[in-house]
Amino acid sequence: MAKAANEVHCFFCGTIIKKTDSVCSTCGKNQGDRSTTAEAEVYCAYCGTFISKNEQTCPSCGSSQTVELAPPVKPAATVEPKPTIDPSTTKKKPSALRSTIISIIVGLIVFFILQFFFE
């Protein structure tokens, strides 16, 4: 089976996997560190030849046996949405000009009422 440029062989079972896969989807073994395995031989990541697990390069194809793994993915930060405010339900504060005008009108009404009683 031909493999694409972004694919390698699993070190342990020889299945073709993506270079960025840190775990083989077939055998479930971690591809990061071959030295921790109990097996004496593993598969070359590039040509699939069975080689010693301690080989730095494949004697068959000459490829380096270090596989660059994708960095771990950080979970996205959760941002709580701001509550939306319905403008039709909020009370608007009266403006300073409006408050001043209302105060003057009330003051004039009180003034004229007092004028009427004390004439």
C-alpha atoms as a PDB file:
ATOM      1  CA  MET A   1       0.000   0.000   0.000  1.00  0.00           C
ATOM      2  CA  ALA A   2       1.489   3.359  -1.043  1.00  0.00           C
ATOM      3  CA  LYS A   3       1.702   6.082   1.542  1.00  0.00           C
ATOM      4  CA  ALA A   4       1.423   9.833   1.094  1.00  0.00           C
ATOM      5  CA  ALA A   5       4.124  12.335   2.078  1.00  0.00           C
ATOM      6  CA  ASN A   6       2.276  13.137   5.317  1.00  0.00           C
ATOM      7  CA  GLU A   7       2.061   9.462   6.350  1.00  0.00           C
ATOM      8  CA  VAL A   8       4.414   7.055   8.182  1.00  0.00           C
ATOM      9  CA  HIS A   9       4.314   3.437   9.336  1.00  0.00           C
ATOM     10  CA  CYS A  10       3.364   2.695  12.945  1.00  0.00           C
ATOM     11  CA  PHE A  11       6.541   1.644  14.771  1.00  0.00           C
ATOM     12  CA  PHE A  12       4.755  -1.303  16.360  1.00  0.00           C
ATOM     13  CA  CYS A  13       2.277  -2.794  13.867  1.00  0.00           C
ATOM     14  CA  GLY A  14       3.409  -1.272  10.548  1.00  0.00           C
ATOM     15  CA  THR A  15       0.026   0.271   9.716  1.00  0.00           C
ATOM     16  CA  ILE A  16       0.219   3.466   7.676  1.00  0.00           C
ATOM     17  CA  ILE A  17      -0.799   6.422   9.857  1.00  0.00           C
ATOM     18  CA  LYS A  18      -0.547  10.215   9.597  1.00  0.00           C
ATOM     19  CA  LYS A  19       2.747  11.790  10.728  1.00  0.00           C
ATOM     20  CA  THR A  20       0.854  13.937  13.212  1.00  0.00           C
ATOM     21  CA  ASP A  21      -0.840  10.967  14.925  1.00  0.00           C
ATOM     22  CA  SER A  22       0.705  10.375  18.337  1.00  0.00           C
ATOM     23  CA  VAL A  23      -1.168   7.076  18.778  1.00  0.00           C
ATOM     24  CA  CYS A  24      -1.720   4.357  16.168  1.00  0.00           C
ATOM     25  CA  SER A  25      -5.409   3.932  15.345  1.00  0.00           C
ATOM     26  CA  THR A  26      -4.906   0.191  14.770  1.00  0.00           C
ATOM     27  CA  CYS A  27      -2.767  -1.019  17.698  1.00  0.00           C
ATOM     28  CA  GLY A  28      -3.295   1.971  20.043  1.00  0.00           C
ATOM     29  CA  LYS A  29       0.402   2.345  20.872  1.00  0.00           C
ATOM     30  CA  ASN A  30       2.062   5.722  21.465  1.00  0.00           C
ATOM     31  CA  GLN A  31       4.406   6.643  18.605  1.00  0.00           C
ATOM     32  CA  GLY A  32       6.490   9.125  20.585  1.00  0.00           C
ATOM     33  CA  ASP A  33       9.040   6.904  22.321  1.00  0.00           C
ATOM     34  CA  ARG A  34      10.054   3.521  20.914  1.00  0.00           C
ATOM     35  CA  SER A  35      12.645   2.975  23.667  1.00  0.00           C
ATOM     36  CA  THR A  36       9.913   2.241  26.236  1.00  0.00           C
ATOM     37  CA  THR A  37       8.556  -0.740  24.313  1.00  0.00           C
ATOM     38  CA  ALA A  38       9.362  -4.324  25.321  1.00  0.00           C
ATOM     39  CA  GLU A  39       9.646  -5.383  21.649  1.00  0.00           C
ATOM     40  CA  ALA A  40      13.198  -5.810  20.322  1.00  0.00           C
ATOM     41  CA  GLU A  41      12.207  -4.837  16.791  1.00  0.00           C
ATOM     42  CA  VAL A  42       9.827  -2.249  15.382  1.00  0.00           C
ATOM     43  CA  TYR A  43       8.777  -1.071  11.944  1.00  0.00           C
ATOM     44  CA  CYS A  44      10.578   1.716  10.086  1.00  0.00           C
ATOM     45  CA  ALA A  45       8.312   4.757  10.077  1.00  0.00           C
ATOM     46  CA  TYR A  46       9.017   5.473   6.408  1.00  0.00           C
ATOM     47  CA  CYS A  47       9.444   2.170   4.507  1.00  0.00           C
ATOM     48  CA  GLY A  48       7.833  -0.312   6.900  1.00  0.00           C
ATOM     49  CA  THR A  49      10.907  -2.549   7.205  1.00  0.00           C
ATOM     50  CA  PHE A  50      11.214  -4.472  10.487  1.00  0.00           C
ATOM     51  CA  ILE A  51      14.282  -2.983  12.300  1.00  0.00           C
ATOM     52  CA  SER A  52      15.838  -2.892  15.778  1.00  0.00           C
ATOM     53  CA  LYS A  53      14.040  -0.443  18.083  1.00  0.00           C
ATOM     54  CA  ASN A  54      17.395   1.217  18.857  1.00  0.00           C
ATOM     55  CA  GLU A  55      18.174   2.099  15.230  1.00  0.00           C
ATOM     56  CA  GLN A  56      18.389   5.853  14.649  1.00  0.00           C
ATOM     57  CA  THR A  57      18.211   5.398  10.877  1.00  0.00           C
ATOM     58  CA  CYS A  58      16.656   2.614   8.823  1.00  0.00           C
ATOM     59  CA  PRO A  59      19.296   0.326   7.229  1.00  0.00           C
ATOM     60  CA  SER A  60      16.901  -0.272   4.319  1.00  0.00           C
ATOM     61  CA  CYS A  61      15.861   3.254   3.329  1.00  0.00           C
ATOM     62  CA  GLY A  62      18.205   5.458   5.411  1.00  0.00           C
ATOM     63  CA  SER A  63      15.366   7.500   6.965  1.00  0.00           C
ATOM     64  CA  SER A  64      15.724   8.962  10.452  1.00  0.00           C
ATOM     65  CA  GLN A  65      13.437   7.167  12.894  1.00  0.00           C
ATOM     66  CA  THR A  66      12.418  10.208  14.912  1.00  0.00           C
ATOM     67  CA  VAL A  67       8.837  11.205  14.196  1.00  0.00           C
ATOM     68  CA  GLU A  68       7.780  14.772  14.872  1.00  0.00           C
ATOM     69  CA  LEU A  69       4.521  14.663  16.736  1.00  0.00           C
ATOM     70  CA  ALA A  70       1.979  17.423  16.630  1.00  0.00           C
ATOM     71  CA  PRO A  71       2.010  19.573  19.786  1.00  0.00           C
ATOM     72  CA  PRO A  72      -0.830  18.867  22.211  1.00  0.00           C
ATOM     73  CA  VAL A  73      -3.933  20.888  21.518  1.00  0.00           C
ATOM     74  CA  LYS A  74      -4.891  23.339  24.222  1.00  0.00           C
ATOM     75  CA  PRO A  75      -8.601  23.509  24.962  1.00  0.00           C
ATOM     76  CA  ALA A  76     -10.251  26.705  23.845  1.00  0.00           C
ATOM     77  CA  ALA A  77     -10.830  29.261  26.561  1.00  0.00           C
ATOM     78  CA  THR A  78     -14.448  29.464  27.495  1.00  0.00           C
ATOM     79  CA  VAL A  79     -15.884  32.938  27.487  1.00  0.00           C
ATOM     80  CA  GLU A  80     -19.193  33.446  29.154  1.00  0.00           C
ATOM     81  CA  PRO A  81     -21.484  35.573  27.023  1.00  0.00           C
ATOM     82  CA  LYS A  82     -22.558  38.900  28.399  1.00  0.00           C
ATOM     83  CA  PRO A  83     -26.262  39.037  29.193  1.00  0.00           C
ATOM     84  CA  THR A  84     -28.210  40.939  26.601  1.00  0.00           C
ATOM     85  CA  ILE A  85     -30.399  43.782  27.799  1.00  0.00           C
ATOM     86  CA  ASP A  86     -33.685  44.441  26.093  1.00  0.00           C
ATOM     87  CA  PRO A  87     -33.882  48.249  25.631  1.00  0.00           C
ATOM     88  CA  SER A  88     -37.686  48.186  25.737  1.00  0.00           C
ATOM     89  CA  THR A  89     -37.667  46.904  29.343  1.00  0.00           C
ATOM     90  CA  THR A  90     -35.079  49.283  30.775  1.00  0.00           C
ATOM     91  CA  LYS A  91     -36.007  52.608  32.289  1.00  0.00           C
ATOM     92  CA  LYS A  92     -34.164  55.583  30.912  1.00  0.00           C
ATOM     93  CA  LYS A  93     -32.783  58.136  33.341  1.00  0.00           C
ATOM     94  CA  PRO A  94     -34.099  61.624  32.695  1.00  0.00           C
ATOM     95  CA  SER A  95     -31.539  63.967  31.242  1.00  0.00           C
ATOM     96  CA  ALA A  96     -30.242  66.925  33.257  1.00  0.00           C
ATOM     97  CA  LEU A  97     -32.020  69.424  30.971  1.00  0.00           C
ATOM     98  CA  ARG A  98     -35.315  67.583  31.325  1.00  0.00           C
ATOM     99  CA  SER A  99     -34.966  67.484  35.129  1.00  0.00           C
ATOM    100  CA  THR A 100     -34.191  71.207  35.205  1.00  0.00           C
ATOM    101  CA  ILE A 101     -37.242  72.100  33.110  1.00  0.00           C
ATOM    102  CA  ILE A 102     -39.534  69.977  35.289  1.00  0.00           C
ATOM    103  CA  SER A 103     -38.109  71.601  38.434  1.00  0.00           C
ATOM    104  CA  ILE A 104     -38.741  75.111  37.029  1.00  0.00           C
ATOM    105  CA  ILE A 105     -42.328  74.262  36.064  1.00  0.00           C
ATOM    106  CA  VAL A 106     -43.073  72.767  39.502  1.00  0.00           C
ATOM    107  CA  GLY A 107     -41.466  75.795  41.144  1.00  0.00           C
ATOM    108  CA  LEU A 108     -43.612  78.210  39.084  1.00  0.00           C
ATOM    109  CA  ILE A 109     -46.774  76.275  39.923  1.00  0.00           C
ATOM    110  CA  VAL A 110     -45.948  76.389  43.646  1.00  0.00           C
ATOM    111  CA  PHE A 111     -45.091  80.106  43.341  1.00  0.00           C
ATOM    112  CA  PHE A 112     -48.437  80.974  41.699  1.00  0.00           C
ATOM    113  CA  ILE A 113     -50.396  78.846  44.176  1.00  0.00           C
ATOM    114  CA  LEU A 114     -48.708  80.624  47.093  1.00  0.00           C
ATOM    115  CA  GLN A 115     -49.329  84.021  45.411  1.00  0.00           C
ATOM    116  CA  PHE A 116     -53.023  83.172  45.114  1.00  0.00           C
ATOM    117  CA  PHE A 117     -53.365  82.286  48.821  1.00  0.00           C
ATOM    118  CA  PHE A 118     -51.451  85.306  50.154  1.00  0.00           C
ATOM    119  CA  GLU A 119     -53.083  88.089  48.111  1.00  0.00           C
END
